[in-house]
N, C-alpha and C. Protein backbone atom coordinates (compact mmCIF):
# COMPACT_ATOMS: atom_id res chain seq x y z
N GLY A 1 113.57 116.23 145.02
CA GLY A 1 113.63 114.83 144.69
C GLY A 1 114.33 114.61 143.38
N ASP A 2 114.71 113.39 143.17
CA ASP A 2 115.44 113.08 141.96
C ASP A 2 114.58 113.06 140.71
N ILE A 3 113.33 112.52 140.84
CA ILE A 3 112.46 112.38 139.68
C ILE A 3 111.02 112.63 140.05
N TYR A 4 110.30 113.25 139.15
CA TYR A 4 108.86 113.41 139.30
C TYR A 4 108.22 112.75 138.14
N GLN A 5 107.22 111.95 138.38
CA GLN A 5 106.53 111.14 137.39
C GLN A 5 105.07 111.67 137.36
N SER A 6 104.63 112.32 136.30
CA SER A 6 103.27 112.81 136.22
C SER A 6 102.32 111.66 135.95
N ALA A 7 101.04 111.91 136.17
CA ALA A 7 100.05 110.85 135.97
C ALA A 7 99.87 110.48 134.52
N THR A 8 100.24 111.35 133.59
CA THR A 8 100.12 111.09 132.16
C THR A 8 101.39 110.57 131.51
N SER A 9 102.41 110.34 132.24
CA SER A 9 103.66 109.93 131.68
C SER A 9 103.98 108.45 131.92
N TYR A 10 105.00 107.95 131.27
CA TYR A 10 105.33 106.57 131.30
C TYR A 10 106.83 106.44 131.66
N LEU A 11 107.16 105.53 132.55
CA LEU A 11 108.56 105.35 132.96
C LEU A 11 108.84 103.87 133.03
N THR A 12 109.96 103.47 132.38
CA THR A 12 110.47 102.11 132.56
C THR A 12 111.92 102.22 132.93
N ALA A 13 112.36 101.32 133.75
CA ALA A 13 113.79 101.35 134.10
C ALA A 13 114.46 100.19 133.37
N SER A 14 115.15 99.91 133.60
CA SER A 14 115.95 98.99 132.77
C SER A 14 116.99 99.78 131.84
N PRO A 15 121.35 112.28 105.60
CA PRO A 15 121.53 113.11 104.34
C PRO A 15 121.47 114.61 104.55
N MET A 16 121.68 115.52 104.02
CA MET A 16 121.76 117.02 104.18
C MET A 16 120.37 117.61 103.79
N THR A 17 119.80 118.44 104.70
CA THR A 17 118.56 119.07 104.44
C THR A 17 118.73 120.49 104.96
N THR A 18 118.20 121.51 104.21
CA THR A 18 118.27 122.89 104.62
C THR A 18 117.24 123.17 105.65
N LEU A 19 117.67 123.75 106.79
CA LEU A 19 116.75 124.14 107.83
C LEU A 19 115.98 125.39 107.45
N PRO A 20 114.77 125.55 107.91
CA PRO A 20 114.00 126.79 107.63
C PRO A 20 114.68 127.96 108.34
N PRO A 21 114.66 129.18 107.76
CA PRO A 21 115.33 130.32 108.38
C PRO A 21 114.65 130.72 109.71
N TYR A 22 115.43 130.94 110.73
CA TYR A 22 114.93 131.47 112.02
C TYR A 22 116.13 131.82 112.90
N TYR A 23 115.81 132.46 114.01
CA TYR A 23 116.85 132.80 115.00
C TYR A 23 116.75 131.87 116.19
N SER A 24 117.88 131.49 116.75
CA SER A 24 117.85 130.66 117.93
C SER A 24 117.36 131.47 119.13
N PRO A 25 116.95 130.77 120.20
CA PRO A 25 116.41 131.50 121.40
C PRO A 25 117.38 132.49 122.01
N ILE A 26 118.69 132.34 121.75
CA ILE A 26 119.64 133.26 122.32
C ILE A 26 120.16 134.25 121.27
N GLY A 27 119.47 134.37 120.15
CA GLY A 27 119.72 135.39 119.20
C GLY A 27 120.77 135.09 118.14
N ILE A 28 121.21 133.85 118.02
CA ILE A 28 122.17 133.52 116.99
C ILE A 28 121.46 133.34 115.66
N ASN A 29 121.93 134.08 114.64
CA ASN A 29 121.34 133.94 113.32
C ASN A 29 121.72 132.62 112.76
N ILE A 30 120.77 131.71 112.57
CA ILE A 30 121.08 130.43 112.03
C ILE A 30 120.49 130.22 110.62
N ASN A 31 120.17 131.35 109.97
CA ASN A 31 119.66 131.29 108.60
C ASN A 31 120.70 130.58 107.75
N ASN A 32 120.21 129.82 106.83
CA ASN A 32 121.09 129.15 105.84
C ASN A 32 121.97 128.03 106.42
N LEU A 33 121.80 127.60 107.65
CA LEU A 33 122.48 126.48 108.18
C LEU A 33 121.99 125.22 107.47
N THR A 34 122.88 124.28 107.18
CA THR A 34 122.49 123.07 106.59
C THR A 34 122.60 121.98 107.71
N CYS A 35 121.54 121.19 107.90
CA CYS A 35 121.61 120.23 108.91
C CYS A 35 122.55 119.08 108.52
N GLN A 36 123.07 118.41 109.53
CA GLN A 36 124.05 117.35 109.33
C GLN A 36 123.61 116.14 110.11
N SER A 37 123.89 114.93 109.59
CA SER A 37 123.51 113.71 110.26
C SER A 37 124.38 113.37 111.43
N ALA A 38 125.58 113.92 111.46
CA ALA A 38 126.52 113.65 112.60
C ALA A 38 127.26 114.99 112.84
N VAL A 39 127.32 115.34 114.15
CA VAL A 39 128.01 116.58 114.60
C VAL A 39 128.83 116.18 115.82
N THR A 40 130.08 116.62 115.87
CA THR A 40 130.88 116.43 117.06
C THR A 40 131.11 117.73 117.82
N VAL A 41 130.83 117.75 119.15
CA VAL A 41 131.08 118.90 119.96
C VAL A 41 132.53 118.91 120.37
N THR A 42 133.25 120.02 120.01
CA THR A 42 134.70 120.12 120.31
C THR A 42 135.08 121.24 121.23
N SER A 43 134.06 122.01 121.65
CA SER A 43 134.29 123.19 122.44
C SER A 43 133.49 123.10 123.78
N THR A 44 134.10 123.54 124.86
CA THR A 44 133.36 123.49 126.16
C THR A 44 132.52 124.81 126.34
N ALA A 45 132.62 125.70 125.38
CA ALA A 45 131.88 126.98 125.44
C ALA A 45 130.39 126.72 125.28
N ASP A 46 129.63 127.70 125.78
CA ASP A 46 128.16 127.63 125.70
C ASP A 46 127.65 127.76 124.27
N SER A 47 128.28 128.58 123.48
CA SER A 47 127.80 128.81 122.15
C SER A 47 129.00 129.03 121.25
N GLY A 48 128.76 129.08 119.92
CA GLY A 48 129.82 129.34 118.98
C GLY A 48 130.25 128.05 118.26
N VAL A 49 131.29 128.12 117.48
CA VAL A 49 131.78 127.04 116.66
C VAL A 49 132.18 125.89 117.55
N GLY A 50 131.69 124.69 117.27
CA GLY A 50 132.03 123.49 117.99
C GLY A 50 131.25 123.29 119.31
N SER A 51 130.33 124.19 119.60
CA SER A 51 129.63 124.10 120.91
C SER A 51 128.45 123.14 120.82
N VAL A 52 127.95 122.78 122.00
CA VAL A 52 126.76 121.90 122.05
C VAL A 52 125.55 122.62 121.48
N LEU A 53 125.39 123.91 121.68
CA LEU A 53 124.25 124.68 121.14
C LEU A 53 124.32 124.64 119.65
N GLU A 54 125.50 124.84 119.05
CA GLU A 54 125.60 124.76 117.59
C GLU A 54 125.25 123.37 117.07
N ALA A 55 125.69 122.36 117.81
CA ALA A 55 125.38 120.97 117.42
C ALA A 55 123.90 120.69 117.43
N VAL A 56 123.18 121.14 118.45
CA VAL A 56 121.72 120.93 118.54
C VAL A 56 121.02 121.66 117.42
N MET A 57 121.53 122.83 117.05
CA MET A 57 120.87 123.57 115.96
C MET A 57 121.18 122.98 114.59
N LYS A 58 122.32 122.34 114.42
CA LYS A 58 122.73 121.81 113.08
C LYS A 58 122.30 120.36 112.83
N ILE A 59 122.03 119.61 113.90
CA ILE A 59 121.75 118.12 113.70
C ILE A 59 120.44 117.95 112.95
N CYS A 60 120.45 117.05 111.99
CA CYS A 60 119.20 116.64 111.35
C CYS A 60 118.42 115.77 112.26
N SER A 61 117.13 115.68 112.12
CA SER A 61 116.31 114.72 112.83
C SER A 61 116.83 113.33 112.56
N GLY A 62 117.07 112.59 113.66
CA GLY A 62 117.54 111.25 113.54
C GLY A 62 119.08 111.15 113.60
N GLY A 63 119.72 112.30 113.73
CA GLY A 63 121.21 112.37 113.74
C GLY A 63 121.80 112.09 115.06
N THR A 64 123.16 112.09 115.07
CA THR A 64 123.90 111.84 116.30
C THR A 64 124.85 112.93 116.58
N ILE A 65 124.79 113.42 117.84
CA ILE A 65 125.74 114.41 118.39
C ILE A 65 126.69 113.66 119.23
N THR A 66 128.01 113.84 119.00
CA THR A 66 129.04 113.17 119.82
C THR A 66 129.72 114.26 120.64
N LEU A 67 129.70 114.08 121.92
CA LEU A 67 130.38 115.03 122.84
C LEU A 67 131.81 114.61 122.99
N ASN A 68 132.72 115.52 122.61
CA ASN A 68 134.16 115.27 122.73
C ASN A 68 134.85 116.43 123.40
N ALA A 69 134.17 117.05 124.38
CA ALA A 69 134.71 118.13 125.16
C ALA A 69 133.99 118.08 126.50
N SER A 70 134.73 118.25 127.60
CA SER A 70 134.04 118.20 128.89
C SER A 70 134.84 118.99 129.93
N PRO A 71 134.23 119.68 130.85
CA PRO A 71 132.77 119.81 130.95
C PRO A 71 132.22 120.89 129.98
N LEU A 72 131.02 120.67 129.56
CA LEU A 72 130.34 121.65 128.71
C LEU A 72 129.61 122.61 129.63
N ASP A 73 130.09 123.82 129.68
CA ASP A 73 129.55 124.83 130.64
C ASP A 73 128.46 125.66 130.00
N LEU A 74 127.21 125.47 130.41
CA LEU A 74 126.14 126.27 129.85
C LEU A 74 126.01 127.49 130.69
N THR A 75 126.02 128.65 130.07
CA THR A 75 125.94 129.94 130.79
C THR A 75 124.71 130.72 130.37
N SER A 76 124.01 130.31 129.33
CA SER A 76 122.78 131.01 128.92
C SER A 76 121.61 130.08 129.14
N GLY A 77 120.63 130.01 128.20
CA GLY A 77 119.44 129.24 128.40
C GLY A 77 119.58 127.77 128.31
N GLU A 78 118.46 127.08 128.54
CA GLU A 78 118.46 125.64 128.46
C GLU A 78 118.65 125.14 126.99
N LEU A 79 119.03 123.89 126.81
CA LEU A 79 119.10 123.31 125.48
C LEU A 79 117.74 122.70 125.16
N VAL A 80 117.07 123.27 124.17
CA VAL A 80 115.70 122.79 123.79
C VAL A 80 115.92 121.75 122.69
N ILE A 81 115.47 120.56 122.94
CA ILE A 81 115.52 119.48 121.95
C ILE A 81 114.12 119.27 121.40
N ASN A 82 114.01 119.42 120.09
CA ASN A 82 112.65 119.33 119.44
C ASN A 82 112.65 118.40 118.18
N LYS A 83 113.57 117.46 118.20
CA LYS A 83 113.60 116.49 117.04
C LYS A 83 114.28 115.25 117.52
N ASP A 84 114.15 114.23 116.79
CA ASP A 84 114.79 112.91 117.11
C ASP A 84 116.32 113.05 117.02
N MET A 85 117.03 112.54 118.04
CA MET A 85 118.46 112.53 117.96
C MET A 85 119.08 111.64 119.03
N THR A 86 120.33 111.26 118.90
CA THR A 86 121.13 110.63 119.85
C THR A 86 122.23 111.58 120.27
N ILE A 87 122.45 111.70 121.61
CA ILE A 87 123.63 112.46 122.08
C ILE A 87 124.46 111.43 122.84
N THR A 88 125.66 111.24 122.42
CA THR A 88 126.56 110.21 122.95
C THR A 88 127.97 110.78 123.12
N THR A 89 128.91 109.93 123.54
CA THR A 89 130.30 110.41 123.77
C THR A 89 131.28 109.51 123.01
N MET A 90 132.52 109.98 122.94
CA MET A 90 133.58 109.21 122.29
C MET A 90 133.99 108.08 123.20
N GLY A 91 133.92 106.90 122.72
CA GLY A 91 134.41 105.70 123.48
C GLY A 91 133.68 105.35 124.72
N GLY A 92 132.41 105.87 124.88
CA GLY A 92 131.64 105.48 126.06
C GLY A 92 132.13 106.10 127.38
N VAL A 93 132.92 107.14 127.28
CA VAL A 93 133.43 107.81 128.49
C VAL A 93 132.50 108.96 128.84
N ASN A 94 131.97 108.98 130.07
CA ASN A 94 131.02 110.03 130.45
C ASN A 94 131.61 111.45 130.22
N GLN A 95 130.80 112.33 129.60
CA GLN A 95 131.07 113.70 129.44
C GLN A 95 130.05 114.50 130.25
N THR A 96 130.43 115.63 130.82
CA THR A 96 129.56 116.39 131.69
C THR A 96 129.01 117.59 130.92
N VAL A 97 127.67 117.77 131.10
CA VAL A 97 126.99 119.04 130.67
C VAL A 97 126.49 119.65 131.92
N GLN A 98 126.96 120.85 132.24
CA GLN A 98 126.64 121.46 133.52
C GLN A 98 126.29 122.91 133.37
N ARG A 99 125.57 123.42 134.38
CA ARG A 99 125.20 124.83 134.40
C ARG A 99 126.26 125.63 135.12
N SER A 100 126.80 126.66 134.51
CA SER A 100 127.84 127.47 135.13
C SER A 100 127.46 128.91 135.23
N GLY A 101 126.39 129.37 134.66
CA GLY A 101 125.98 130.77 134.67
C GLY A 101 124.65 130.92 135.43
N SER A 102 123.83 131.79 134.84
CA SER A 102 122.54 132.07 135.46
C SER A 102 121.71 130.80 135.56
N PRO A 103 120.83 130.73 136.62
CA PRO A 103 120.07 129.52 136.84
C PRO A 103 119.13 129.19 135.68
N ALA A 104 119.21 127.96 135.20
CA ALA A 104 118.31 127.41 134.20
C ALA A 104 118.54 125.93 134.16
N ARG A 105 117.51 125.24 133.66
CA ARG A 105 117.65 123.78 133.52
C ARG A 105 118.68 123.45 132.41
N ILE A 106 119.07 122.22 132.32
CA ILE A 106 120.03 121.79 131.25
C ILE A 106 119.27 121.44 129.97
N PHE A 107 118.45 120.43 130.00
CA PHE A 107 117.73 119.96 128.81
C PHE A 107 116.27 120.12 128.90
N ASN A 108 115.61 120.64 127.86
CA ASN A 108 114.15 120.73 127.76
C ASN A 108 113.79 119.82 126.55
N MET A 109 113.30 118.64 126.85
CA MET A 109 112.90 117.72 125.75
C MET A 109 111.51 118.05 125.32
N ALA A 110 111.41 118.98 124.33
CA ALA A 110 110.10 119.51 123.89
C ALA A 110 109.33 118.49 123.01
N SER A 111 110.10 117.77 122.18
CA SER A 111 109.44 116.78 121.31
C SER A 111 110.51 115.87 120.77
N GLY A 112 110.07 114.80 120.11
CA GLY A 112 111.03 113.86 119.47
C GLY A 112 111.38 112.74 120.38
N THR A 113 112.18 111.82 119.80
CA THR A 113 112.71 110.65 120.50
C THR A 113 114.15 110.86 120.65
N VAL A 114 114.64 110.90 121.88
CA VAL A 114 116.02 111.24 122.16
C VAL A 114 116.65 110.18 123.03
N GLN A 115 117.88 109.81 122.70
CA GLN A 115 118.75 108.98 123.55
C GLN A 115 119.96 109.79 124.03
N LEU A 116 120.17 109.71 125.33
CA LEU A 116 121.37 110.26 125.94
C LEU A 116 122.21 109.15 126.48
N ASN A 117 123.45 109.03 125.97
CA ASN A 117 124.34 107.92 126.36
C ASN A 117 125.59 108.47 127.00
N HIS A 118 125.93 107.98 128.21
CA HIS A 118 127.19 108.33 128.86
C HIS A 118 127.29 109.84 129.08
N VAL A 119 126.21 110.49 129.62
CA VAL A 119 126.23 111.92 129.82
C VAL A 119 125.99 112.17 131.31
N THR A 120 126.78 113.08 131.91
CA THR A 120 126.53 113.48 133.28
C THR A 120 125.92 114.90 133.18
N ILE A 121 124.74 115.01 133.81
CA ILE A 121 124.01 116.30 133.83
C ILE A 121 124.04 116.87 135.26
N ALA A 122 124.68 118.02 135.43
CA ALA A 122 124.93 118.53 136.77
C ALA A 122 124.57 120.01 136.87
N ASN A 123 124.12 120.38 138.08
CA ASN A 123 123.97 121.77 138.49
C ASN A 123 122.84 122.50 137.70
N GLY A 124 121.93 121.78 137.12
CA GLY A 124 120.82 122.49 136.49
C GLY A 124 119.88 123.09 137.54
N ASP A 125 119.21 124.17 137.23
CA ASP A 125 118.33 124.80 138.16
C ASP A 125 117.03 125.15 137.45
N GLY A 126 116.00 124.39 137.75
CA GLY A 126 114.71 124.60 137.17
C GLY A 126 113.77 125.29 138.09
N THR A 127 114.28 125.94 139.17
CA THR A 127 113.43 126.54 140.19
C THR A 127 112.49 127.60 139.59
N ALA A 128 113.04 128.46 138.79
CA ALA A 128 112.25 129.57 138.20
C ALA A 128 111.16 129.01 137.28
N MET A 129 111.40 127.84 136.65
CA MET A 129 110.45 127.29 135.76
C MET A 129 109.62 126.22 136.51
N LEU A 130 109.92 125.94 137.72
CA LEU A 130 109.28 125.01 138.63
C LEU A 130 109.69 123.59 138.49
N TYR A 131 109.86 123.09 137.22
CA TYR A 131 110.00 121.68 136.98
C TYR A 131 111.36 121.33 136.31
N GLY A 132 111.90 120.19 136.68
CA GLY A 132 113.06 119.64 136.01
C GLY A 132 114.28 120.48 135.92
N GLY A 133 115.12 120.44 136.94
CA GLY A 133 116.37 121.16 136.97
C GLY A 133 117.37 120.59 135.95
N GLY A 134 117.46 119.27 135.91
CA GLY A 134 118.36 118.63 134.94
C GLY A 134 117.70 118.45 133.59
N ILE A 135 116.52 117.80 133.62
CA ILE A 135 115.80 117.50 132.38
C ILE A 135 114.31 117.68 132.57
N TYR A 136 113.66 118.31 131.64
CA TYR A 136 112.21 118.37 131.60
C TYR A 136 111.77 117.60 130.35
N VAL A 137 110.99 116.53 130.53
CA VAL A 137 110.48 115.76 129.40
C VAL A 137 109.03 116.17 129.21
N GLN A 138 108.71 116.87 128.14
CA GLN A 138 107.38 117.32 127.88
C GLN A 138 106.46 116.24 127.35
N LEU A 139 105.17 116.47 127.46
CA LEU A 139 104.18 115.53 126.96
C LEU A 139 104.47 115.26 125.45
N GLY A 140 104.50 113.96 125.15
CA GLY A 140 104.76 113.56 123.72
C GLY A 140 106.24 113.26 123.47
N ALA A 141 107.15 113.82 124.27
CA ALA A 141 108.57 113.54 124.05
C ALA A 141 108.95 112.17 124.65
N ILE A 142 109.95 111.57 124.06
CA ILE A 142 110.43 110.26 124.53
C ILE A 142 111.93 110.37 124.78
N LEU A 143 112.34 109.98 126.00
CA LEU A 143 113.74 110.06 126.35
C LEU A 143 114.27 108.77 126.93
N THR A 144 115.37 108.31 126.45
CA THR A 144 116.06 107.11 126.97
C THR A 144 117.43 107.60 127.50
N LEU A 145 117.67 107.38 128.75
CA LEU A 145 118.98 107.64 129.38
C LEU A 145 119.72 106.37 129.58
N ASN A 146 120.90 106.21 128.97
CA ASN A 146 121.71 105.05 129.12
C ASN A 146 123.04 105.44 129.75
N ASN A 147 123.44 104.70 130.82
CA ASN A 147 124.74 104.89 131.44
C ASN A 147 125.05 106.36 131.73
N SER A 148 124.07 107.03 132.32
CA SER A 148 124.18 108.48 132.53
C SER A 148 123.98 108.80 134.00
N ILE A 149 124.38 110.02 134.41
CA ILE A 149 124.25 110.46 135.78
C ILE A 149 123.65 111.83 135.82
N LEU A 150 122.67 111.99 136.75
CA LEU A 150 122.11 113.31 137.07
C LEU A 150 122.40 113.58 138.51
N SER A 151 123.05 114.70 138.77
CA SER A 151 123.48 115.00 140.15
C SER A 151 123.57 116.51 140.38
N GLY A 152 123.10 116.95 141.58
CA GLY A 152 123.19 118.40 141.90
C GLY A 152 122.24 119.27 141.23
N ASN A 153 121.16 118.76 140.64
CA ASN A 153 120.19 119.60 139.99
C ASN A 153 119.03 119.94 140.94
N THR A 154 118.41 121.13 140.76
CA THR A 154 117.37 121.55 141.67
C THR A 154 116.16 122.10 140.84
N ALA A 155 114.99 121.94 141.46
CA ALA A 155 113.71 122.44 140.95
C ALA A 155 112.67 122.32 142.04
N ILE A 156 111.58 122.95 141.91
CA ILE A 156 110.46 122.79 142.87
C ILE A 156 109.96 121.36 142.81
N SER A 157 109.91 120.79 141.61
CA SER A 157 109.50 119.41 141.47
C SER A 157 110.36 118.72 140.40
N GLY A 158 110.88 117.55 140.75
CA GLY A 158 111.72 116.83 139.79
C GLY A 158 113.06 117.48 139.61
N GLY A 159 113.84 117.58 140.68
CA GLY A 159 115.15 118.24 140.57
C GLY A 159 116.00 117.62 139.52
N GLY A 160 116.08 116.32 139.42
CA GLY A 160 116.87 115.66 138.39
C GLY A 160 116.12 115.61 137.06
N ILE A 161 114.89 115.01 137.11
CA ILE A 161 114.06 114.87 135.89
C ILE A 161 112.63 115.12 136.27
N TYR A 162 111.92 115.95 135.52
CA TYR A 162 110.52 116.04 135.53
C TYR A 162 109.94 115.41 134.30
N ASN A 163 109.24 114.30 134.45
CA ASN A 163 108.79 113.54 133.28
C ASN A 163 107.33 113.67 133.08
N ASN A 164 106.89 114.23 131.94
CA ASN A 164 105.53 114.30 131.55
C ASN A 164 105.34 113.59 130.23
N GLY A 165 106.39 112.88 129.79
CA GLY A 165 106.31 112.16 128.51
C GLY A 165 106.61 110.67 128.76
N THR A 166 107.53 110.15 128.02
CA THR A 166 107.97 108.70 128.20
C THR A 166 109.45 108.67 128.49
N LEU A 167 109.81 108.04 129.59
CA LEU A 167 111.20 107.98 130.03
C LEU A 167 111.67 106.56 130.30
N THR A 168 112.82 106.23 129.80
CA THR A 168 113.46 104.90 130.12
C THR A 168 114.79 105.16 130.67
N LEU A 169 115.10 104.58 131.80
CA LEU A 169 116.40 104.70 132.43
C LEU A 169 117.08 103.33 132.45
N THR A 170 118.34 103.30 131.93
CA THR A 170 119.11 102.04 131.87
C THR A 170 120.51 102.32 132.45
N ASN A 171 120.88 101.60 133.47
CA ASN A 171 122.20 101.80 134.07
C ASN A 171 122.56 103.20 134.36
N SER A 172 121.60 103.96 134.87
CA SER A 172 121.81 105.42 135.15
C SER A 172 121.59 105.71 136.59
N THR A 173 122.24 106.78 137.03
CA THR A 173 122.20 107.18 138.47
C THR A 173 121.64 108.55 138.63
N LEU A 174 120.60 108.70 139.50
CA LEU A 174 120.06 109.93 139.91
C LEU A 174 120.34 110.10 141.39
N SER A 175 121.14 111.08 141.78
CA SER A 175 121.39 111.29 143.22
C SER A 175 121.68 112.72 143.53
N GLY A 176 121.32 113.13 144.73
CA GLY A 176 121.64 114.46 145.20
C GLY A 176 120.96 115.61 144.46
N ASN A 177 119.79 115.29 143.88
CA ASN A 177 118.98 116.30 143.18
C ASN A 177 117.93 116.83 144.11
C-alpha cells in the first residue's frame, strides 16, 4: 500500500554551531564538522563532498538543504533525519532521491519537524525493516510533504510512507507503492 497510518499517529492532507564529535552510520568521520544553516546538494553520489548525506550531517537544526542534483542515487543506508530542517529544490523543480544499491528505505524521520518540498522519492525498499520503503515517520517526528511524489517504494507495511508520528500531505502524489 501507499501509506500506513498507525493508531497513535496523525495525518492531515491538504548561525554556525559545532557538532559533537561522532561517526556517521556509514563510517564517515564527521568530527569537527561545523553545522551550516543552508547547504546545497551538488553531487548525485551517495556520499562525499556535495552529497545529500554530507548535507544531512552538516545542516544545523532549523536549516535548509537545497537539492540541485538529480537523481540522487542512494547506494548505502537510509538517510536518518533527527533534527528540524527543510529539504527543498532550486526553483520548485522536482528532484529525485532514489535507491540504486542494496535494499533500504530512503528517509527515516527519527525526530524533529521536517518539510520536504518538490521531492520525488523512488525505489525505496523497507522490506527488511518491515515498515516504510520510501519514508518511515517515527513517533514524535513531524513531516510535511509539499508538491512531492512517492512512487515505486516497497515494504511489508506502508510501501510509500509508514506514519507513526504526524504527517501532512499537500499537493503530493503517492502511487505504485
